[in-house]
Amino acid sequence: MTIKAGDRIPDVTLTLMGKNGPEPIKTSDYFKGRKVALFSVPGAFTPTCHAKHLPGFVEKYDALKAKGVDAVAVTAVNDVFTLDAWLKDRGAQGKIDGLADGSAAFAKALGLELDLTDFGLGVRGKRYSAVVKDGVLEWINVEENSSLATVSSAEATLEKL
């Protein structure tokens, strides 16, 4: 079943790159007591994710924070090293938290997995943007076509805040 507004984020362990290397983090801990603008990309360094989706959130970071967001995070079915390298490459380090979902456990728990096996990419997460407040999903915009970043863009997120 797909997560919807008002649902609690499932408690899954993701990986965040810390100062001393990879650090596991439970979603219940990450989202606790704060408002997070969360977006998901099918994969770091993939065309739409790299050229359109992430850059919008980097560019609109200050505007998102001004709207009361405590943190901005991206999740992807990538290992933490790839996700961290991507954030560094795009100038997002220190702004956007990279929540690596290497085994697609989070995507599956949300009911938002995307099977791209026929394209050689395996199971990924659908492209979406959402706001999570104290562990509860306030709203979510899921792209019907994962090669687009329209309803899940930073601009669309700002309009919802």
N, C-alpha and C. Protein backbone atom coordinates (compact mmCIF):
# COMPACT_ATOMS: atom_id res chain seq x y z
N MET A 1 0.84 -1.17 0.00
CA MET A 1 0.00 0.00 0.00
C MET A 1 0.89 1.25 0.00
N THR A 2 0.50 2.25 -0.75
CA THR A 2 1.26 3.48 -0.87
C THR A 2 0.95 4.42 0.29
N ILE A 3 1.98 5.03 0.82
CA ILE A 3 1.82 5.99 1.91
C ILE A 3 0.99 7.18 1.44
N LYS A 4 0.25 7.78 2.37
CA LYS A 4 -0.56 8.95 2.03
C LYS A 4 -0.48 9.97 3.17
N ALA A 5 -0.92 11.17 2.89
CA ALA A 5 -0.92 12.23 3.89
C ALA A 5 -1.60 11.75 5.16
N GLY A 6 -0.99 12.07 6.29
CA GLY A 6 -1.51 11.68 7.59
C GLY A 6 -0.89 10.39 8.12
N ASP A 7 -0.21 9.63 7.25
CA ASP A 7 0.44 8.40 7.68
C ASP A 7 1.79 8.71 8.32
N ARG A 8 2.16 7.86 9.27
CA ARG A 8 3.49 7.96 9.88
C ARG A 8 4.50 7.32 8.93
N ILE A 9 5.67 7.94 8.83
CA ILE A 9 6.75 7.39 8.01
C ILE A 9 7.18 6.05 8.63
N PRO A 10 7.28 4.99 7.82
CA PRO A 10 7.72 3.70 8.37
C PRO A 10 9.13 3.80 8.95
N ASP A 11 9.37 3.03 10.00
CA ASP A 11 10.69 3.07 10.64
C ASP A 11 11.63 2.12 9.92
N VAL A 12 12.53 2.70 9.16
CA VAL A 12 13.50 1.97 8.35
C VAL A 12 14.87 2.57 8.63
N THR A 13 15.91 1.77 8.52
CA THR A 13 17.26 2.29 8.68
C THR A 13 17.83 2.67 7.32
N LEU A 14 18.24 3.92 7.21
CA LEU A 14 18.90 4.45 6.01
C LEU A 14 20.35 4.74 6.39
N THR A 15 21.13 5.22 5.43
CA THR A 15 22.52 5.56 5.72
C THR A 15 22.78 7.00 5.32
N LEU A 16 23.41 7.73 6.21
CA LEU A 16 23.76 9.14 6.03
C LEU A 16 25.28 9.24 6.14
N MET A 17 25.90 10.02 5.27
CA MET A 17 27.36 10.18 5.37
C MET A 17 27.68 11.16 6.49
N GLY A 18 28.39 10.67 7.48
CA GLY A 18 28.79 11.50 8.61
C GLY A 18 30.21 11.99 8.45
N LYS A 19 30.71 12.70 9.43
CA LYS A 19 32.08 13.24 9.37
C LYS A 19 33.12 12.14 9.34
N ASN A 20 32.81 11.00 9.95
CA ASN A 20 33.75 9.88 10.01
C ASN A 20 33.36 8.72 9.11
N GLY A 21 32.45 8.96 8.17
CA GLY A 21 32.04 7.90 7.25
C GLY A 21 30.56 7.59 7.37
N PRO A 22 30.13 6.49 6.77
CA PRO A 22 28.71 6.13 6.76
C PRO A 22 28.14 5.91 8.16
N GLU A 23 26.94 6.44 8.38
CA GLU A 23 26.26 6.28 9.66
C GLU A 23 24.83 5.82 9.43
N PRO A 24 24.45 4.69 10.03
CA PRO A 24 23.05 4.27 9.92
C PRO A 24 22.18 5.24 10.71
N ILE A 25 20.99 5.50 10.18
CA ILE A 25 20.05 6.38 10.89
C ILE A 25 18.64 5.85 10.68
N LYS A 26 17.92 5.72 11.76
CA LYS A 26 16.53 5.27 11.68
C LYS A 26 15.67 6.47 11.25
N THR A 27 14.71 6.21 10.41
CA THR A 27 13.83 7.29 9.97
C THR A 27 13.10 7.92 11.15
N SER A 28 12.76 7.11 12.15
CA SER A 28 12.07 7.66 13.33
C SER A 28 12.94 8.70 14.02
N ASP A 29 14.24 8.51 14.03
CA ASP A 29 15.16 9.48 14.64
C ASP A 29 15.37 10.69 13.73
N TYR A 30 15.55 10.44 12.43
CA TYR A 30 15.83 11.53 11.50
C TYR A 30 14.68 12.55 11.45
N PHE A 31 13.44 12.07 11.37
CA PHE A 31 12.30 12.96 11.20
C PHE A 31 11.70 13.47 12.52
N LYS A 32 12.16 12.95 13.65
CA LYS A 32 11.58 13.30 14.94
C LYS A 32 11.76 14.78 15.28
N GLY A 33 10.64 15.43 15.61
CA GLY A 33 10.66 16.79 16.14
C GLY A 33 11.02 17.89 15.16
N ARG A 34 10.93 17.61 13.88
CA ARG A 34 11.23 18.66 12.91
C ARG A 34 10.43 18.50 11.63
N LYS A 35 10.47 19.56 10.84
CA LYS A 35 9.78 19.59 9.55
C LYS A 35 10.83 19.43 8.45
N VAL A 36 10.64 18.39 7.62
CA VAL A 36 11.63 18.06 6.60
C VAL A 36 11.00 18.08 5.22
N ALA A 37 11.62 18.80 4.31
CA ALA A 37 11.26 18.73 2.89
C ALA A 37 12.06 17.56 2.34
N LEU A 38 11.36 16.51 1.93
CA LEU A 38 11.99 15.29 1.45
C LEU A 38 11.68 15.11 -0.02
N PHE A 39 12.70 14.77 -0.80
CA PHE A 39 12.43 14.40 -2.18
C PHE A 39 13.19 13.14 -2.52
N SER A 40 12.65 12.41 -3.47
CA SER A 40 13.23 11.14 -3.88
C SER A 40 13.56 11.19 -5.35
N VAL A 41 14.72 10.63 -5.68
CA VAL A 41 15.14 10.52 -7.07
C VAL A 41 15.40 9.05 -7.38
N PRO A 42 15.14 8.62 -8.62
CA PRO A 42 15.46 7.23 -8.97
C PRO A 42 16.94 6.90 -8.86
N GLY A 43 17.83 7.88 -9.09
CA GLY A 43 19.24 7.57 -8.94
C GLY A 43 20.13 8.79 -9.09
N ALA A 44 21.14 8.85 -8.23
CA ALA A 44 22.15 9.91 -8.33
C ALA A 44 22.84 9.82 -9.68
N PHE A 45 23.18 10.94 -10.22
CA PHE A 45 23.89 11.08 -11.49
C PHE A 45 23.06 10.67 -12.71
N THR A 46 21.79 10.30 -12.54
CA THR A 46 20.96 9.98 -13.70
C THR A 46 20.44 11.30 -14.29
N PRO A 47 20.10 11.32 -15.57
CA PRO A 47 19.87 12.59 -16.28
C PRO A 47 18.93 13.60 -15.62
N THR A 48 17.68 13.25 -15.38
CA THR A 48 16.73 14.21 -14.82
C THR A 48 17.09 14.55 -13.37
N CYS A 49 17.51 13.55 -12.63
CA CYS A 49 17.87 13.77 -11.22
C CYS A 49 19.03 14.75 -11.12
N HIS A 50 20.02 14.56 -11.98
CA HIS A 50 21.27 15.33 -11.94
C HIS A 50 21.11 16.74 -12.51
N ALA A 51 20.37 16.86 -13.60
CA ALA A 51 20.29 18.15 -14.29
C ALA A 51 19.12 19.01 -13.87
N LYS A 52 18.05 18.40 -13.34
CA LYS A 52 16.85 19.17 -13.03
C LYS A 52 16.37 19.09 -11.59
N HIS A 53 16.27 17.88 -11.05
CA HIS A 53 15.61 17.73 -9.76
C HIS A 53 16.46 18.28 -8.61
N LEU A 54 17.65 17.73 -8.40
CA LEU A 54 18.50 18.20 -7.31
C LEU A 54 18.87 19.68 -7.43
N PRO A 55 19.26 20.17 -8.61
CA PRO A 55 19.64 21.59 -8.70
C PRO A 55 18.54 22.55 -8.22
N GLY A 56 17.29 22.21 -8.46
CA GLY A 56 16.20 23.07 -8.01
C GLY A 56 16.15 23.18 -6.49
N PHE A 57 16.39 22.05 -5.80
CA PHE A 57 16.37 22.08 -4.34
C PHE A 57 17.58 22.80 -3.77
N VAL A 58 18.72 22.72 -4.45
CA VAL A 58 19.89 23.48 -4.01
C VAL A 58 19.61 24.97 -4.18
N GLU A 59 19.08 25.33 -5.33
CA GLU A 59 18.78 26.74 -5.63
C GLU A 59 17.73 27.31 -4.69
N LYS A 60 16.73 26.53 -4.33
CA LYS A 60 15.61 27.00 -3.51
C LYS A 60 15.79 26.68 -2.02
N TYR A 61 16.96 26.24 -1.64
CA TYR A 61 17.22 25.84 -0.25
C TYR A 61 16.84 26.95 0.74
N ASP A 62 17.33 28.16 0.52
CA ASP A 62 17.04 29.26 1.45
C ASP A 62 15.55 29.58 1.50
N ALA A 63 14.87 29.51 0.37
CA ALA A 63 13.43 29.78 0.33
C ALA A 63 12.66 28.70 1.10
N LEU A 64 13.10 27.44 0.99
CA LEU A 64 12.46 26.35 1.74
C LEU A 64 12.65 26.56 3.24
N LYS A 65 13.86 26.93 3.63
CA LYS A 65 14.13 27.18 5.05
C LYS A 65 13.29 28.37 5.55
N ALA A 66 13.12 29.39 4.72
CA ALA A 66 12.33 30.56 5.10
C ALA A 66 10.86 30.21 5.29
N LYS A 67 10.41 29.11 4.68
CA LYS A 67 9.02 28.66 4.82
C LYS A 67 8.84 27.74 6.02
N GLY A 68 9.85 27.63 6.86
CA GLY A 68 9.71 26.85 8.09
C GLY A 68 10.22 25.43 8.04
N VAL A 69 10.94 25.09 6.99
CA VAL A 69 11.52 23.75 6.89
C VAL A 69 12.81 23.71 7.70
N ASP A 70 12.95 22.70 8.54
CA ASP A 70 14.15 22.55 9.36
C ASP A 70 15.29 21.88 8.61
N ALA A 71 14.94 20.99 7.66
CA ALA A 71 15.95 20.26 6.90
C ALA A 71 15.40 19.92 5.53
N VAL A 72 16.31 19.77 4.57
CA VAL A 72 15.97 19.30 3.23
C VAL A 72 16.76 18.02 3.02
N ALA A 73 16.08 16.98 2.56
CA ALA A 73 16.75 15.68 2.38
C ALA A 73 16.33 15.05 1.07
N VAL A 74 17.26 14.32 0.50
CA VAL A 74 16.99 13.53 -0.70
C VAL A 74 17.24 12.06 -0.36
N THR A 75 16.41 11.20 -0.89
CA THR A 75 16.62 9.77 -0.76
C THR A 75 16.71 9.17 -2.15
N ALA A 76 17.55 8.15 -2.25
CA ALA A 76 17.73 7.45 -3.52
C ALA A 76 18.18 6.03 -3.23
N VAL A 77 17.85 5.13 -4.13
CA VAL A 77 18.31 3.75 -4.02
C VAL A 77 19.72 3.71 -4.62
N ASN A 78 20.64 4.24 -3.85
CA ASN A 78 22.07 4.26 -4.15
C ASN A 78 22.81 3.98 -2.86
N ASP A 79 24.08 3.58 -2.99
CA ASP A 79 24.90 3.46 -1.79
C ASP A 79 25.25 4.86 -1.29
N VAL A 80 25.63 4.95 -0.05
CA VAL A 80 25.89 6.25 0.58
C VAL A 80 27.09 6.96 -0.06
N PHE A 81 28.06 6.22 -0.58
CA PHE A 81 29.23 6.83 -1.19
C PHE A 81 28.86 7.54 -2.50
N THR A 82 28.02 6.89 -3.29
CA THR A 82 27.56 7.49 -4.55
C THR A 82 26.70 8.72 -4.26
N LEU A 83 25.77 8.58 -3.32
CA LEU A 83 24.90 9.70 -2.98
C LEU A 83 25.71 10.88 -2.46
N ASP A 84 26.68 10.62 -1.61
CA ASP A 84 27.52 11.69 -1.07
C ASP A 84 28.35 12.36 -2.17
N ALA A 85 28.93 11.57 -3.06
CA ALA A 85 29.72 12.14 -4.17
C ALA A 85 28.84 13.01 -5.06
N TRP A 86 27.61 12.57 -5.29
CA TRP A 86 26.68 13.34 -6.12
C TRP A 86 26.35 14.68 -5.48
N LEU A 87 26.06 14.66 -4.17
CA LEU A 87 25.73 15.91 -3.47
C LEU A 87 26.92 16.87 -3.49
N LYS A 88 28.12 16.36 -3.31
CA LYS A 88 29.32 17.20 -3.39
C LYS A 88 29.46 17.78 -4.79
N ASP A 89 29.29 16.94 -5.80
CA ASP A 89 29.44 17.36 -7.20
C ASP A 89 28.47 18.48 -7.57
N ARG A 90 27.27 18.45 -7.01
CA ARG A 90 26.22 19.41 -7.37
C ARG A 90 26.16 20.60 -6.40
N GLY A 91 27.11 20.72 -5.47
CA GLY A 91 27.13 21.85 -4.55
C GLY A 91 26.06 21.79 -3.48
N ALA A 92 25.61 20.58 -3.17
CA ALA A 92 24.52 20.42 -2.20
C ALA A 92 25.00 20.04 -0.81
N GLN A 93 26.26 19.72 -0.67
CA GLN A 93 26.78 19.30 0.62
C GLN A 93 26.62 20.43 1.64
N GLY A 94 26.15 20.08 2.82
CA GLY A 94 25.91 21.08 3.86
C GLY A 94 24.52 21.69 3.79
N LYS A 95 23.81 21.42 2.70
CA LYS A 95 22.44 21.91 2.54
C LYS A 95 21.46 20.74 2.53
N ILE A 96 21.72 19.78 1.69
CA ILE A 96 20.80 18.67 1.48
C ILE A 96 21.37 17.40 2.10
N ASP A 97 20.60 16.78 2.99
CA ASP A 97 21.01 15.52 3.59
C ASP A 97 20.74 14.39 2.60
N GLY A 98 21.72 13.53 2.40
CA GLY A 98 21.56 12.38 1.52
C GLY A 98 21.23 11.14 2.31
N LEU A 99 19.99 10.67 2.18
CA LEU A 99 19.53 9.48 2.89
C LEU A 99 19.58 8.29 1.92
N ALA A 100 20.67 7.54 2.01
CA ALA A 100 20.88 6.42 1.09
C ALA A 100 20.00 5.24 1.48
N ASP A 101 19.29 4.73 0.48
CA ASP A 101 18.37 3.60 0.63
C ASP A 101 18.87 2.46 -0.27
N GLY A 102 20.09 2.02 0.00
CA GLY A 102 20.80 1.10 -0.87
C GLY A 102 20.06 -0.17 -1.26
N SER A 103 19.20 -0.67 -0.42
CA SER A 103 18.46 -1.90 -0.71
C SER A 103 17.00 -1.65 -1.06
N ALA A 104 16.62 -0.40 -1.22
CA ALA A 104 15.24 0.00 -1.54
C ALA A 104 14.25 -0.34 -0.42
N ALA A 105 14.74 -0.54 0.79
CA ALA A 105 13.86 -0.88 1.91
C ALA A 105 12.88 0.26 2.21
N PHE A 106 13.35 1.50 2.17
CA PHE A 106 12.49 2.66 2.43
C PHE A 106 11.48 2.83 1.31
N ALA A 107 11.93 2.77 0.07
CA ALA A 107 11.02 2.90 -1.08
C ALA A 107 9.92 1.84 -1.00
N LYS A 108 10.28 0.62 -0.68
CA LYS A 108 9.29 -0.46 -0.58
C LYS A 108 8.35 -0.25 0.60
N ALA A 109 8.88 0.21 1.74
CA ALA A 109 8.04 0.44 2.92
C ALA A 109 7.02 1.54 2.67
N LEU A 110 7.39 2.51 1.81
CA LEU A 110 6.46 3.59 1.45
C LEU A 110 5.48 3.17 0.36
N GLY A 111 5.74 2.03 -0.29
CA GLY A 111 4.93 1.61 -1.42
C GLY A 111 5.25 2.42 -2.66
N LEU A 112 6.48 2.94 -2.74
CA LEU A 112 6.88 3.82 -3.83
C LEU A 112 8.09 3.28 -4.60
N GLU A 113 8.22 1.95 -4.64
CA GLU A 113 9.31 1.38 -5.41
C GLU A 113 8.99 1.45 -6.90
N LEU A 114 10.04 1.49 -7.69
CA LEU A 114 9.95 1.64 -9.14
C LEU A 114 10.85 0.57 -9.76
N ASP A 115 10.25 -0.38 -10.46
CA ASP A 115 11.03 -1.47 -11.04
C ASP A 115 11.58 -1.06 -12.40
N LEU A 116 12.87 -0.79 -12.44
CA LEU A 116 13.54 -0.42 -13.68
C LEU A 116 14.50 -1.53 -14.14
N THR A 117 14.18 -2.76 -13.76
CA THR A 117 15.01 -3.90 -14.10
C THR A 117 15.20 -4.04 -15.60
N ASP A 118 14.14 -3.80 -16.36
CA ASP A 118 14.24 -3.91 -17.82
C ASP A 118 15.23 -2.92 -18.42
N PHE A 119 15.57 -1.88 -17.68
CA PHE A 119 16.52 -0.87 -18.16
C PHE A 119 17.91 -1.04 -17.52
N GLY A 120 18.08 -2.16 -16.80
CA GLY A 120 19.36 -2.44 -16.17
C GLY A 120 19.62 -1.68 -14.88
N LEU A 121 18.57 -1.07 -14.30
CA LEU A 121 18.74 -0.25 -13.10
C LEU A 121 18.21 -0.90 -11.82
N GLY A 122 17.57 -2.06 -11.95
CA GLY A 122 17.03 -2.73 -10.77
C GLY A 122 15.84 -2.00 -10.18
N VAL A 123 15.58 -2.27 -8.91
CA VAL A 123 14.47 -1.62 -8.22
C VAL A 123 14.96 -0.30 -7.64
N ARG A 124 14.26 0.75 -7.93
CA ARG A 124 14.58 2.10 -7.47
C ARG A 124 13.40 2.66 -6.70
N GLY A 125 13.47 3.93 -6.34
CA GLY A 125 12.35 4.62 -5.72
C GLY A 125 11.73 5.56 -6.73
N LYS A 126 10.42 5.74 -6.65
CA LYS A 126 9.75 6.70 -7.52
C LYS A 126 10.21 8.11 -7.19
N ARG A 127 10.06 9.00 -8.16
CA ARG A 127 10.39 10.41 -7.96
C ARG A 127 9.20 11.09 -7.27
N TYR A 128 9.48 11.76 -6.15
CA TYR A 128 8.43 12.49 -5.43
C TYR A 128 9.04 13.59 -4.59
N SER A 129 8.19 14.46 -4.11
CA SER A 129 8.56 15.41 -3.06
C SER A 129 7.48 15.34 -2.00
N ALA A 130 7.87 15.64 -0.77
CA ALA A 130 6.94 15.52 0.35
C ALA A 130 7.41 16.43 1.48
N VAL A 131 6.52 16.65 2.42
CA VAL A 131 6.89 17.30 3.67
C VAL A 131 6.49 16.36 4.79
N VAL A 132 7.45 16.13 5.67
CA VAL A 132 7.26 15.25 6.82
C VAL A 132 7.44 16.11 8.07
N LYS A 133 6.43 16.09 8.92
CA LYS A 133 6.49 16.87 10.16
C LYS A 133 6.42 15.92 11.35
N ASP A 134 7.49 15.90 12.12
CA ASP A 134 7.59 15.04 13.30
C ASP A 134 7.22 13.59 12.97
N GLY A 135 7.71 13.11 11.83
CA GLY A 135 7.52 11.72 11.45
C GLY A 135 6.22 11.40 10.74
N VAL A 136 5.37 12.41 10.53
CA VAL A 136 4.08 12.20 9.86
C VAL A 136 4.10 12.90 8.50
N LEU A 137 3.66 12.20 7.49
CA LEU A 137 3.62 12.76 6.14
C LEU A 137 2.50 13.79 6.04
N GLU A 138 2.87 15.05 5.79
CA GLU A 138 1.87 16.11 5.64
C GLU A 138 1.27 16.08 4.24
N TRP A 139 2.10 15.91 3.23
CA TRP A 139 1.64 15.80 1.85
C TRP A 139 2.75 15.19 1.01
N ILE A 140 2.35 14.68 -0.16
CA ILE A 140 3.31 14.07 -1.07
C ILE A 140 2.85 14.29 -2.51
N ASN A 141 3.79 14.59 -3.38
CA ASN A 141 3.54 14.71 -4.82
C ASN A 141 4.41 13.68 -5.52
N VAL A 142 3.79 12.69 -6.14
CA VAL A 142 4.51 11.62 -6.83
C VAL A 142 4.40 11.85 -8.33
N GLU A 143 5.53 11.78 -9.01
CA GLU A 143 5.54 11.92 -10.47
C GLU A 143 4.95 10.67 -11.12
N GLU A 144 4.05 10.87 -12.07
CA GLU A 144 3.53 9.74 -12.84
C GLU A 144 4.58 9.21 -13.79
N ASN A 145 5.42 10.09 -14.30
CA ASN A 145 6.49 9.73 -15.22
C ASN A 145 7.81 10.05 -14.53
N SER A 146 8.58 9.03 -14.19
CA SER A 146 9.79 9.25 -13.40
C SER A 146 10.88 10.00 -14.15
N SER A 147 10.73 10.18 -15.45
CA SER A 147 11.73 10.95 -16.18
C SER A 147 11.44 12.45 -16.15
N LEU A 148 10.37 12.85 -15.46
CA LEU A 148 10.02 14.26 -15.31
C LEU A 148 10.19 14.69 -13.85
N ALA A 149 10.44 15.96 -13.65
CA ALA A 149 10.51 16.52 -12.30
C ALA A 149 9.65 17.78 -12.30
N THR A 150 8.35 17.58 -12.32
CA THR A 150 7.42 18.72 -12.36
C THR A 150 6.69 18.85 -11.03
N VAL A 151 5.78 17.92 -10.72
CA VAL A 151 5.02 18.02 -9.47
C VAL A 151 5.90 17.78 -8.24
N SER A 152 7.09 17.22 -8.46
CA SER A 152 8.02 16.96 -7.35
C SER A 152 9.16 17.97 -7.29
N SER A 153 9.07 19.01 -8.06
CA SER A 153 10.15 20.01 -8.12
C SER A 153 10.21 20.85 -6.84
N ALA A 154 11.31 21.56 -6.68
CA ALA A 154 11.45 22.47 -5.54
C ALA A 154 10.40 23.56 -5.61
N GLU A 155 10.09 24.04 -6.81
CA GLU A 155 9.08 25.08 -6.98
C GLU A 155 7.70 24.58 -6.53
N ALA A 156 7.36 23.36 -6.92
CA ALA A 156 6.07 22.77 -6.50
C ALA A 156 6.03 22.57 -4.99
N THR A 157 7.16 22.22 -4.44
CA THR A 157 7.25 22.04 -2.98
C THR A 157 7.02 23.37 -2.27
N LEU A 158 7.66 24.42 -2.76
CA LEU A 158 7.46 25.75 -2.17
C LEU A 158 6.00 26.20 -2.23
N GLU A 159 5.33 25.88 -3.34
CA GLU A 159 3.92 26.27 -3.46
C GLU A 159 3.05 25.59 -2.42
N LYS A 160 3.43 24.38 -2.00
CA LYS A 160 2.64 23.63 -1.01
C LYS A 160 2.90 24.10 0.43
N LEU A 161 4.03 24.76 0.64
CA LEU A 161 4.38 25.14 2.02
C LEU A 161 3.63 26.38 2.48
